[in-house]
Amino acid sequence: MELRDIQGDRIVGKRTLPIVLGKEQTEALLGVICAALAVVLVSASINGWVVPLFGYAMLMPVIYAGACLYWYSKKILGHSGLMEAATDQIFIIAGVLVLLVV
């Protein structure tokens, strides 16, 4: 959401990631974070650090977050309510999956 709100606000201030790093570097960083989280979830599931079904289920919100980032970079999701709804869906998907798996 910081990519969309580049100006900053009164609570957080004006030093957001896109301001400090730049838009392209922030998008790359978020992509790396999504990939790293996916690797951690898969390795935790394989090594038994988490219940495998839970670890693999939590991949779905991570993949969706990566998809939202891709859609934003390709201008499929722009500066609209659609972008906010799409990013909020990540939390809803994660919550529903926790309820289903646990």
PDB file of N, CA and C in Angstrom:
ATOM      1  N   MET A   1       0.821  -1.192   0.000  1.00  0.00           N
ATOM      2  CA  MET A   1       0.000   0.000   0.000  1.00  0.00           C
ATOM      3  C   MET A   1       0.867   1.259   0.000  1.00  0.00           C
ATOM      4  N   GLU A   2       2.100   1.158   0.492  1.00  0.00           N
ATOM      5  CA  GLU A   2       2.978   2.328   0.501  1.00  0.00           C
ATOM      6  C   GLU A   2       3.316   2.780  -0.920  1.00  0.00           C
ATOM      7  N   LEU A   3       3.349   1.844  -1.859  1.00  0.00           N
ATOM      8  CA  LEU A   3       3.642   2.227  -3.236  1.00  0.00           C
ATOM      9  C   LEU A   3       2.570   3.165  -3.765  1.00  0.00           C
ATOM     10  N   ARG A   4       1.350   2.947  -3.332  1.00  0.00           N
ATOM     11  CA  ARG A   4       0.252   3.779  -3.798  1.00  0.00           C
ATOM     12  C   ARG A   4       0.245   5.119  -3.074  1.00  0.00           C
ATOM     13  N   ASP A   5       0.554   5.113  -1.809  1.00  0.00           N
ATOM     14  CA  ASP A   5       0.509   6.333  -1.001  1.00  0.00           C
ATOM     15  C   ASP A   5       1.905   6.902  -0.831  1.00  0.00           C
ATOM     16  N   ILE A   6       2.513   7.304  -1.918  1.00  0.00           N
ATOM     17  CA  ILE A   6       3.906   7.742  -1.895  1.00  0.00           C
ATOM     18  C   ILE A   6       4.088   9.032  -1.099  1.00  0.00           C
ATOM     19  N   GLN A   7       3.082   9.867  -0.966  1.00  0.00           N
ATOM     20  CA  GLN A   7       3.258  11.140  -0.279  1.00  0.00           C
ATOM     21  C   GLN A   7       3.484  10.958   1.215  1.00  0.00           C
ATOM     22  N   GLY A   8       3.028   9.869   1.795  1.00  0.00           N
ATOM     23  CA  GLY A   8       3.132   9.687   3.236  1.00  0.00           C
ATOM     24  C   GLY A   8       1.910  10.269   3.928  1.00  0.00           C
ATOM     25  N   ASP A   9       1.887  10.179   5.230  1.00  0.00           N
ATOM     26  CA  ASP A   9       0.775  10.751   5.967  1.00  0.00           C
ATOM     27  C   ASP A   9       1.277  11.369   7.265  1.00  0.00           C
ATOM     28  N   ARG A  10       0.346  11.850   8.051  1.00  0.00           N
ATOM     29  CA  ARG A  10       0.734  12.566   9.271  1.00  0.00           C
ATOM     30  C   ARG A  10       1.159  11.618  10.381  1.00  0.00           C
ATOM     31  N   ILE A  11       0.686  10.393  10.371  1.00  0.00           N
ATOM     32  CA  ILE A  11       1.021   9.455  11.436  1.00  0.00           C
ATOM     33  C   ILE A  11       2.399   8.845  11.195  1.00  0.00           C
ATOM     34  N   VAL A  12       2.616   8.286  10.022  1.00  0.00           N
ATOM     35  CA  VAL A  12       3.867   7.596   9.714  1.00  0.00           C
ATOM     36  C   VAL A  12       4.961   8.582   9.354  1.00  0.00           C
ATOM     37  N   GLY A  13       4.606   9.647   8.710  1.00  0.00           N
ATOM     38  CA  GLY A  13       5.598  10.620   8.271  1.00  0.00           C
ATOM     39  C   GLY A  13       5.861  10.470   6.783  1.00  0.00           C
ATOM     40  N   LYS A  14       6.856  11.150   6.303  1.00  0.00           N
ATOM     41  CA  LYS A  14       7.114  11.175   4.876  1.00  0.00           C
ATOM     42  C   LYS A  14       8.231  10.242   4.440  1.00  0.00           C
ATOM     43  N   ARG A  15       8.860   9.511   5.372  1.00  0.00           N
ATOM     44  CA  ARG A  15       9.964   8.629   5.015  1.00  0.00           C
ATOM     45  C   ARG A  15       9.444   7.192   4.879  1.00  0.00           C
ATOM     46  N   THR A  16       8.704   6.929   3.818  1.00  0.00           N
ATOM     47  CA  THR A  16       8.215   5.589   3.551  1.00  0.00           C
ATOM     48  C   THR A  16       9.226   4.862   2.673  1.00  0.00           C
ATOM     49  N   LEU A  17       9.038   3.565   2.518  1.00  0.00           N
ATOM     50  CA  LEU A  17       9.969   2.780   1.699  1.00  0.00           C
ATOM     51  C   LEU A  17      10.111   3.314   0.277  1.00  0.00           C
ATOM     52  N   PRO A  18       9.020   3.649  -0.421  1.00  0.00           N
ATOM     53  CA  PRO A  18       9.200   4.173  -1.777  1.00  0.00           C
ATOM     54  C   PRO A  18       9.976   5.484  -1.831  1.00  0.00           C
ATOM     55  N   ILE A  19       9.866   6.298  -0.793  1.00  0.00           N
ATOM     56  CA  ILE A  19      10.609   7.554  -0.771  1.00  0.00           C
ATOM     57  C   ILE A  19      12.094   7.274  -0.536  1.00  0.00           C
ATOM     58  N   VAL A  20      12.399   6.393   0.404  1.00  0.00           N
ATOM     59  CA  VAL A  20      13.787   6.112   0.760  1.00  0.00           C
ATOM     60  C   VAL A  20      14.484   5.296  -0.329  1.00  0.00           C
ATOM     61  N   LEU A  21      13.833   4.215  -0.790  1.00  0.00           N
ATOM     62  CA  LEU A  21      14.460   3.306  -1.750  1.00  0.00           C
ATOM     63  C   LEU A  21      14.153   3.629  -3.205  1.00  0.00           C
ATOM     64  N   GLY A  22      13.009   4.206  -3.459  1.00  0.00           N
ATOM     65  CA  GLY A  22      12.539   4.387  -4.827  1.00  0.00           C
ATOM     66  C   GLY A  22      11.506   3.322  -5.141  1.00  0.00           C
ATOM     67  N   LYS A  23      10.639   3.613  -6.091  1.00  0.00           N
ATOM     68  CA  LYS A  23       9.519   2.720  -6.397  1.00  0.00           C
ATOM     69  C   LYS A  23       9.991   1.361  -6.919  1.00  0.00           C
ATOM     70  N   GLU A  24      10.923   1.346  -7.847  1.00  0.00           N
ATOM     71  CA  GLU A  24      11.367   0.091  -8.447  1.00  0.00           C
ATOM     72  C   GLU A  24      12.072  -0.795  -7.429  1.00  0.00           C
ATOM     73  N   GLN A  25      12.933  -0.191  -6.600  1.00  0.00           N
ATOM     74  CA  GLN A  25      13.647  -0.967  -5.599  1.00  0.00           C
ATOM     75  C   GLN A  25      12.692  -1.494  -4.523  1.00  0.00           C
ATOM     76  N   THR A  26      11.659  -0.721  -4.210  1.00  0.00           N
ATOM     77  CA  THR A  26      10.674  -1.180  -3.235  1.00  0.00           C
ATOM     78  C   THR A  26       9.900  -2.359  -3.785  1.00  0.00           C
ATOM     79  N   GLU A  27       9.502  -2.292  -5.060  1.00  0.00           N
ATOM     80  CA  GLU A  27       8.809  -3.421  -5.678  1.00  0.00           C
ATOM     81  C   GLU A  27       9.700  -4.657  -5.688  1.00  0.00           C
ATOM     82  N   ALA A  28      10.980  -4.480  -5.999  1.00  0.00           N
ATOM     83  CA  ALA A  28      11.908  -5.609  -5.992  1.00  0.00           C
ATOM     84  C   ALA A  28      12.069  -6.179  -4.590  1.00  0.00           C
ATOM     85  N   LEU A  29      12.185  -5.310  -3.591  1.00  0.00           N
ATOM     86  CA  LEU A  29      12.320  -5.757  -2.208  1.00  0.00           C
ATOM     87  C   LEU A  29      11.097  -6.547  -1.762  1.00  0.00           C
ATOM     88  N   LEU A  30       9.911  -6.064  -2.099  1.00  0.00           N
ATOM     89  CA  LEU A  30       8.688  -6.777  -1.734  1.00  0.00           C
ATOM     90  C   LEU A  30       8.610  -8.132  -2.431  1.00  0.00           C
ATOM     91  N   GLY A  31       9.064  -8.203  -3.675  1.00  0.00           N
ATOM     92  CA  GLY A  31       9.106  -9.482  -4.375  1.00  0.00           C
ATOM     93  C   GLY A  31      10.067 -10.458  -3.710  1.00  0.00           C
ATOM     94  N   VAL A  32      11.225  -9.965  -3.290  1.00  0.00           N
ATOM     95  CA  VAL A  32      12.200 -10.813  -2.595  1.00  0.00           C
ATOM     96  C   VAL A  32      11.632 -11.286  -1.258  1.00  0.00           C
ATOM     97  N   ILE A  33      10.932 -10.410  -0.557  1.00  0.00           N
ATOM     98  CA  ILE A  33      10.331 -10.790   0.720  1.00  0.00           C
ATOM     99  C   ILE A  33       9.281 -11.876   0.517  1.00  0.00           C
ATOM    100  N   CYS A  34       8.446 -11.752  -0.519  1.00  0.00           N
ATOM    101  CA  CYS A  34       7.444 -12.786  -0.812  1.00  0.00           C
ATOM    102  C   CYS A  34       8.113 -14.113  -1.135  1.00  0.00           C
ATOM    103  N   ALA A  35       9.161 -14.078  -1.950  1.00  0.00           N
ATOM    104  CA  ALA A  35       9.872 -15.307  -2.312  1.00  0.00           C
ATOM    105  C   ALA A  35      10.539 -15.929  -1.088  1.00  0.00           C
ATOM    106  N   ALA A  36      11.164 -15.107  -0.251  1.00  0.00           N
ATOM    107  CA  ALA A  36      11.825 -15.623   0.948  1.00  0.00           C
ATOM    108  C   ALA A  36      10.812 -16.228   1.915  1.00  0.00           C
ATOM    109  N   LEU A  37       9.668 -15.591   2.067  1.00  0.00           N
ATOM    110  CA  LEU A  37       8.636 -16.129   2.940  1.00  0.00           C
ATOM    111  C   LEU A  37       8.113 -17.464   2.417  1.00  0.00           C
ATOM    112  N   ALA A  38       7.968 -17.570   1.099  1.00  0.00           N
ATOM    113  CA  ALA A  38       7.529 -18.835   0.516  1.00  0.00           C
ATOM    114  C   ALA A  38       8.565 -19.935   0.779  1.00  0.00           C
ATOM    115  N   VAL A  39       9.838 -19.616   0.635  1.00  0.00           N
ATOM    116  CA  VAL A  39      10.895 -20.606   0.898  1.00  0.00           C
ATOM    117  C   VAL A  39      10.888 -21.022   2.365  1.00  0.00           C
ATOM    118  N   VAL A  40      10.719 -20.073   3.262  1.00  0.00           N
ATOM    119  CA  VAL A  40      10.680 -20.379   4.695  1.00  0.00           C
ATOM    120  C   VAL A  40       9.484 -21.274   5.022  1.00  0.00           C
ATOM    121  N   LEU A  41       8.333 -20.980   4.446  1.00  0.00           N
ATOM    122  CA  LEU A  41       7.147 -21.801   4.711  1.00  0.00           C
ATOM    123  C   LEU A  41       7.320 -23.223   4.195  1.00  0.00           C
ATOM    124  N   VAL A  42       7.866 -23.366   3.000  1.00  0.00           N
ATOM    125  CA  VAL A  42       8.070 -24.705   2.446  1.00  0.00           C
ATOM    126  C   VAL A  42       9.104 -25.470   3.261  1.00  0.00           C
ATOM    127  N   SER A  43      10.219 -24.829   3.592  1.00  0.00           N
ATOM    128  CA  SER A  43      11.251 -25.538   4.361  1.00  0.00           C
ATOM    129  C   SER A  43      10.765 -25.854   5.774  1.00  0.00           C
ATOM    130  N   ALA A  44       9.977 -24.972   6.381  1.00  0.00           N
ATOM    131  CA  ALA A  44       9.429 -25.259   7.704  1.00  0.00           C
ATOM    132  C   ALA A  44       8.463 -26.434   7.647  1.00  0.00           C
ATOM    133  N   SER A  45       7.701 -26.533   6.579  1.00  0.00           N
ATOM    134  CA  SER A  45       6.777 -27.655   6.422  1.00  0.00           C
ATOM    135  C   SER A  45       7.528 -28.957   6.193  1.00  0.00           C
ATOM    136  N   ILE A  46       8.551 -28.910   5.368  1.00  0.00           N
ATOM    137  CA  ILE A  46       9.336 -30.113   5.072  1.00  0.00           C
ATOM    138  C   ILE A  46      10.080 -30.603   6.312  1.00  0.00           C
ATOM    139  N   ASN A  47      10.654 -29.682   7.078  1.00  0.00           N
ATOM    140  CA  ASN A  47      11.450 -30.054   8.252  1.00  0.00           C
ATOM    141  C   ASN A  47      10.618 -30.311   9.500  1.00  0.00           C
ATOM    142  N   GLY A  48       9.318 -30.133   9.423  1.00  0.00           N
ATOM    143  CA  GLY A  48       8.451 -30.412  10.553  1.00  0.00           C
ATOM    144  C   GLY A  48       8.413 -29.319  11.605  1.00  0.00           C
ATOM    145  N   TRP A  49       8.861 -28.128  11.288  1.00  0.00           N
ATOM    146  CA  TRP A  49       8.816 -27.017  12.237  1.00  0.00           C
ATOM    147  C   TRP A  49       7.395 -26.512  12.423  1.00  0.00           C
ATOM    148  N   VAL A  50       6.579 -26.685  11.417  1.00  0.00           N
ATOM    149  CA  VAL A  50       5.151 -26.366  11.500  1.00  0.00           C
ATOM    150  C   VAL A  50       4.386 -27.560  10.962  1.00  0.00           C
ATOM    151  N   VAL A  51       3.104 -27.608  11.255  1.00  0.00           N
ATOM    152  CA  VAL A  51       2.259 -28.656  10.687  1.00  0.00           C
ATOM    153  C   VAL A  51       2.273 -28.480   9.175  1.00  0.00           C
ATOM    154  N   PRO A  52       2.647 -29.525   8.426  1.00  0.00           N
ATOM    155  CA  PRO A  52       2.801 -29.358   6.971  1.00  0.00           C
ATOM    156  C   PRO A  52       1.569 -28.780   6.276  1.00  0.00           C
ATOM    157  N   LEU A  53       0.389 -29.226   6.644  1.00  0.00           N
ATOM    158  CA  LEU A  53      -0.819 -28.712   5.998  1.00  0.00           C
ATOM    159  C   LEU A  53      -0.954 -27.204   6.229  1.00  0.00           C
ATOM    160  N   PHE A  54      -0.636 -26.762   7.448  1.00  0.00           N
ATOM    161  CA  PHE A  54      -0.719 -25.343   7.775  1.00  0.00           C
ATOM    162  C   PHE A  54       0.326 -24.541   6.992  1.00  0.00           C
ATOM    163  N   GLY A  55       1.557 -25.041   6.940  1.00  0.00           N
ATOM    164  CA  GLY A  55       2.621 -24.338   6.219  1.00  0.00           C
ATOM    165  C   GLY A  55       2.312 -24.192   4.740  1.00  0.00           C
ATOM    166  N   TYR A  56       1.825 -25.273   4.143  1.00  0.00           N
ATOM    167  CA  TYR A  56       1.501 -25.205   2.716  1.00  0.00           C
ATOM    168  C   TYR A  56       0.271 -24.335   2.470  1.00  0.00           C
ATOM    169  N   ALA A  57      -0.684 -24.351   3.396  1.00  0.00           N
ATOM    170  CA  ALA A  57      -1.873 -23.510   3.236  1.00  0.00           C
ATOM    171  C   ALA A  57      -1.497 -22.033   3.311  1.00  0.00           C
ATOM    172  N   MET A  58      -0.543 -21.700   4.162  1.00  0.00           N
ATOM    173  CA  MET A  58      -0.136 -20.293   4.292  1.00  0.00           C
ATOM    174  C   MET A  58       0.651 -19.793   3.080  1.00  0.00           C
ATOM    175  N   LEU A  59       0.997 -20.698   2.182  1.00  0.00           N
ATOM    176  CA  LEU A  59       1.607 -20.269   0.921  1.00  0.00           C
ATOM    177  C   LEU A  59       0.611 -19.500   0.051  1.00  0.00           C
ATOM    178  N   MET A  60      -0.662 -19.836   0.198  1.00  0.00           N
ATOM    179  CA  MET A  60      -1.677 -19.204  -0.648  1.00  0.00           C
ATOM    180  C   MET A  60      -1.712 -17.674  -0.480  1.00  0.00           C
ATOM    181  N   PRO A  61      -1.749 -17.126   0.756  1.00  0.00           N
ATOM    182  CA  PRO A  61      -1.716 -15.665   0.877  1.00  0.00           C
ATOM    183  C   PRO A  61      -0.413 -15.051   0.376  1.00  0.00           C
ATOM    184  N   VAL A  62       0.696 -15.772   0.537  1.00  0.00           N
ATOM    185  CA  VAL A  62       1.982 -15.257   0.057  1.00  0.00           C
ATOM    186  C   VAL A  62       1.979 -15.185  -1.466  1.00  0.00           C
ATOM    187  N   ILE A  63       1.478 -16.217  -2.100  1.00  0.00           N
ATOM    188  CA  ILE A  63       1.385 -16.234  -3.562  1.00  0.00           C
ATOM    189  C   ILE A  63       0.441 -15.133  -4.038  1.00  0.00           C
ATOM    190  N   TYR A  64      -0.665 -14.955  -3.322  1.00  0.00           N
ATOM    191  CA  TYR A  64      -1.609 -13.899  -3.683  1.00  0.00           C
ATOM    192  C   TYR A  64      -0.977 -12.522  -3.518  1.00  0.00           C
ATOM    193  N   ALA A  65      -0.177 -12.334  -2.468  1.00  0.00           N
ATOM    194  CA  ALA A  65       0.518 -11.055  -2.269  1.00  0.00           C
ATOM    195  C   ALA A  65       1.486 -10.803  -3.418  1.00  0.00           C
ATOM    196  N   GLY A  66       2.199 -11.840  -3.840  1.00  0.00           N
ATOM    197  CA  GLY A  66       3.091 -11.704  -4.990  1.00  0.00           C
ATOM    198  C   GLY A  66       2.324 -11.380  -6.261  1.00  0.00           C
ATOM    199  N   ALA A  67       1.157 -11.983  -6.407  1.00  0.00           N
ATOM    200  CA  ALA A  67       0.320 -11.703  -7.578  1.00  0.00           C
ATOM    201  C   ALA A  67      -0.165 -10.250  -7.551  1.00  0.00           C
ATOM    202  N   CYS A  68      -0.558  -9.759  -6.374  1.00  0.00           N
ATOM    203  CA  CYS A  68      -0.991  -8.361  -6.263  1.00  0.00           C
ATOM    204  C   CYS A  68       0.150  -7.414  -6.613  1.00  0.00           C
ATOM    205  N   LEU A  69       1.345  -7.746  -6.168  1.00  0.00           N
ATOM    206  CA  LEU A  69       2.510  -6.933  -6.497  1.00  0.00           C
ATOM    207  C   LEU A  69       2.755  -6.941  -8.007  1.00  0.00           C
ATOM    208  N   TYR A  70       2.629  -8.106  -8.622  1.00  0.00           N
ATOM    209  CA  TYR A  70       2.803  -8.215 -10.079  1.00  0.00           C
ATOM    210  C   TYR A  70       1.725  -7.417 -10.813  1.00  0.00           C
ATOM    211  N   TRP A  71       0.479  -7.551 -10.366  1.00  0.00           N
ATOM    212  CA  TRP A  71      -0.625  -6.832 -11.009  1.00  0.00           C
ATOM    213  C   TRP A  71      -0.439  -5.333 -10.876  1.00  0.00           C
ATOM    214  N   TYR A  72       0.079  -4.899  -9.728  1.00  0.00           N
ATOM    215  CA  TYR A  72       0.325  -3.471  -9.540  1.00  0.00           C
ATOM    216  C   TYR A  72       1.438  -2.993 -10.471  1.00  0.00           C
ATOM    217  N   SER A  73       2.504  -3.773 -10.578  1.00  0.00           N
ATOM    218  CA  SER A  73       3.628  -3.348 -11.424  1.00  0.00           C
ATOM    219  C   SER A  73       3.244  -3.331 -12.903  1.00  0.00           C
ATOM    220  N   LYS A  74       2.295  -4.172 -13.298  1.00  0.00           N
ATOM    221  CA  LYS A  74       1.825  -4.197 -14.690  1.00  0.00           C
ATOM    222  C   LYS A  74       0.635  -3.274 -14.919  1.00  0.00           C
ATOM    223  N   LYS A  75       0.297  -2.475 -13.910  1.00  0.00           N
ATOM    224  CA  LYS A  75      -0.782  -1.475 -13.978  1.00  0.00           C
ATOM    225  C   LYS A  75      -2.167  -2.102 -14.162  1.00  0.00           C
ATOM    226  N   ILE A  76      -2.308  -3.368 -13.765  1.00  0.00           N
ATOM    227  CA  ILE A  76      -3.630  -3.999 -13.785  1.00  0.00           C
ATOM    228  C   ILE A  76      -4.448  -3.494 -12.596  1.00  0.00           C
ATOM    229  N   LEU A  77      -3.780  -3.375 -11.448  1.00  0.00           N
ATOM    230  CA  LEU A  77      -4.381  -2.742 -10.269  1.00  0.00           C
ATOM    231  C   LEU A  77      -3.770  -1.361 -10.153  1.00  0.00           C
ATOM    232  N   GLY A  78      -4.582  -0.356 -10.269  1.00  0.00           N
ATOM    233  CA  GLY A  78      -4.066   1.003 -10.214  1.00  0.00           C
ATOM    234  C   GLY A  78      -4.337   1.648  -8.878  1.00  0.00           C
ATOM    235  N   HIS A  79      -4.439   2.945  -8.883  1.00  0.00           N
ATOM    236  CA  HIS A  79      -4.705   3.725  -7.675  1.00  0.00           C
ATOM    237  C   HIS A  79      -6.203   3.819  -7.461  1.00  0.00           C
ATOM    238  N   SER A  80      -6.811   2.713  -7.115  1.00  0.00           N
ATOM    239  CA  SER A  80      -8.260   2.718  -6.963  1.00  0.00           C
ATOM    240  C   SER A  80      -8.646   1.895  -5.746  1.00  0.00           C
ATOM    241  N   GLY A  81      -9.931   1.817  -5.515  1.00  0.00           N
ATOM    242  CA  GLY A  81     -10.446   0.976  -4.446  1.00  0.00           C
ATOM    243  C   GLY A  81     -10.186  -0.489  -4.715  1.00  0.00           C
ATOM    244  N   LEU A  82     -10.017  -0.834  -5.989  1.00  0.00           N
ATOM    245  CA  LEU A  82      -9.715  -2.211  -6.355  1.00  0.00           C
ATOM    246  C   LEU A  82      -8.381  -2.656  -5.769  1.00  0.00           C
ATOM    247  N   MET A  83      -7.407  -1.772  -5.759  1.00  0.00           N
ATOM    248  CA  MET A  83      -6.102  -2.088  -5.178  1.00  0.00           C
ATOM    249  C   MET A  83      -6.229  -2.326  -3.677  1.00  0.00           C
ATOM    250  N   GLU A  84      -6.967  -1.479  -2.999  1.00  0.00           N
ATOM    251  CA  GLU A  84      -7.148  -1.660  -1.561  1.00  0.00           C
ATOM    252  C   GLU A  84      -7.906  -2.932  -1.255  1.00  0.00           C
ATOM    253  N   ALA A  85      -8.928  -3.229  -2.036  1.00  0.00           N
ATOM    254  CA  ALA A  85      -9.686  -4.457  -1.825  1.00  0.00           C
ATOM    255  C   ALA A  85      -8.816  -5.685  -2.080  1.00  0.00           C
ATOM    256  N   ALA A  86      -8.006  -5.630  -3.113  1.00  0.00           N
ATOM    257  CA  ALA A  86      -7.143  -6.773  -3.432  1.00  0.00           C
ATOM    258  C   ALA A  86      -6.118  -7.014  -2.335  1.00  0.00           C
ATOM    259  N   THR A  87      -5.523  -5.956  -1.811  1.00  0.00           N
ATOM    260  CA  THR A  87      -4.525  -6.149  -0.761  1.00  0.00           C
ATOM    261  C   THR A  87      -5.172  -6.551   0.562  1.00  0.00           C
ATOM    262  N   ASP A  88      -6.371  -6.092   0.827  1.00  0.00           N
ATOM    263  CA  ASP A  88      -7.066  -6.514   2.043  1.00  0.00           C
ATOM    264  C   ASP A  88      -7.463  -7.979   1.977  1.00  0.00           C
ATOM    265  N   GLN A  89      -7.670  -8.496   0.787  1.00  0.00           N
ATOM    266  CA  GLN A  89      -8.030  -9.902   0.625  1.00  0.00           C
ATOM    267  C   GLN A  89      -6.943 -10.840   1.155  1.00  0.00           C
ATOM    268  N   ILE A  90      -5.697 -10.394   1.166  1.00  0.00           N
ATOM    269  CA  ILE A  90      -4.606 -11.228   1.681  1.00  0.00           C
ATOM    270  C   ILE A  90      -4.897 -11.628   3.116  1.00  0.00           C
ATOM    271  N   PHE A  91      -5.340 -10.685   3.938  1.00  0.00           N
ATOM    272  CA  PHE A  91      -5.626 -10.968   5.339  1.00  0.00           C
ATOM    273  C   PHE A  91      -6.854 -11.850   5.491  1.00  0.00           C
ATOM    274  N   ILE A  92      -7.842 -11.633   4.639  1.00  0.00           N
ATOM    275  CA  ILE A  92      -9.058 -12.448   4.687  1.00  0.00           C
ATOM    276  C   ILE A  92      -8.735 -13.885   4.290  1.00  0.00           C
ATOM    277  N   ILE A  93      -7.945 -14.057   3.240  1.00  0.00           N
ATOM    278  CA  ILE A  93      -7.546 -15.401   2.807  1.00  0.00           C
ATOM    279  C   ILE A  93      -6.778 -16.105   3.918  1.00  0.00           C
ATOM    280  N   ALA A  94      -5.833 -15.414   4.534  1.00  0.00           N
ATOM    281  CA  ALA A  94      -5.042 -16.014   5.612  1.00  0.00           C
ATOM    282  C   ALA A  94      -5.944 -16.406   6.787  1.00  0.00           C
ATOM    283  N   GLY A  95      -6.862 -15.539   7.162  1.00  0.00           N
ATOM    284  CA  GLY A  95      -7.759 -15.848   8.276  1.00  0.00           C
ATOM    285  C   GLY A  95      -8.666 -17.025   7.991  1.00  0.00           C
ATOM    286  N   VAL A  96      -9.228 -17.083   6.792  1.00  0.00           N
ATOM    287  CA  VAL A  96     -10.105 -18.207   6.428  1.00  0.00           C
ATOM    288  C   VAL A  96      -9.308 -19.503   6.399  1.00  0.00           C
ATOM    289  N   LEU A  97      -8.107 -19.463   5.865  1.00  0.00           N
ATOM    290  CA  LEU A  97      -7.277 -20.675   5.825  1.00  0.00           C
ATOM    291  C   LEU A  97      -6.922 -21.164   7.223  1.00  0.00           C
ATOM    292  N   VAL A  98      -6.636 -20.253   8.128  1.00  0.00           N
ATOM    293  CA  VAL A  98      -6.350 -20.662   9.513  1.00  0.00           C
ATOM    294  C   VAL A  98      -7.565 -21.348  10.114  1.00  0.00           C
ATOM    295  N   LEU A  99      -8.750 -20.788   9.892  1.00  0.00           N
ATOM    296  CA  LEU A  99      -9.962 -21.406  10.418  1.00  0.00           C
ATOM    297  C   LEU A  99     -10.217 -22.785   9.816  1.00  0.00           C
ATOM    298  N   LEU A 100      -9.914 -22.951   8.541  1.00  0.00           N
ATOM    299  CA  LEU A 100     -10.143 -24.229   7.874  1.00  0.00           C
ATOM    300  C   LEU A 100      -9.116 -25.285   8.268  1.00  0.00           C
ATOM    301  N   VAL A 101      -7.878 -24.869   8.454  1.00  0.00           N
ATOM    302  CA  VAL A 101      -6.802 -25.831   8.709  1.00  0.00           C
ATOM    303  C   VAL A 101      -6.743 -26.234  10.178  1.00  0.00           C
ATOM    304  N   VAL A 102      -6.985 -25.279  11.053  1.00  0.00           N
ATOM    305  CA  VAL A 102      -6.843 -25.575  12.496  1.00  0.00           C
ATOM    306  C   VAL A 102      -8.012 -26.284  13.032  1.00  0.00           C
TER     307      VAL A 102
END
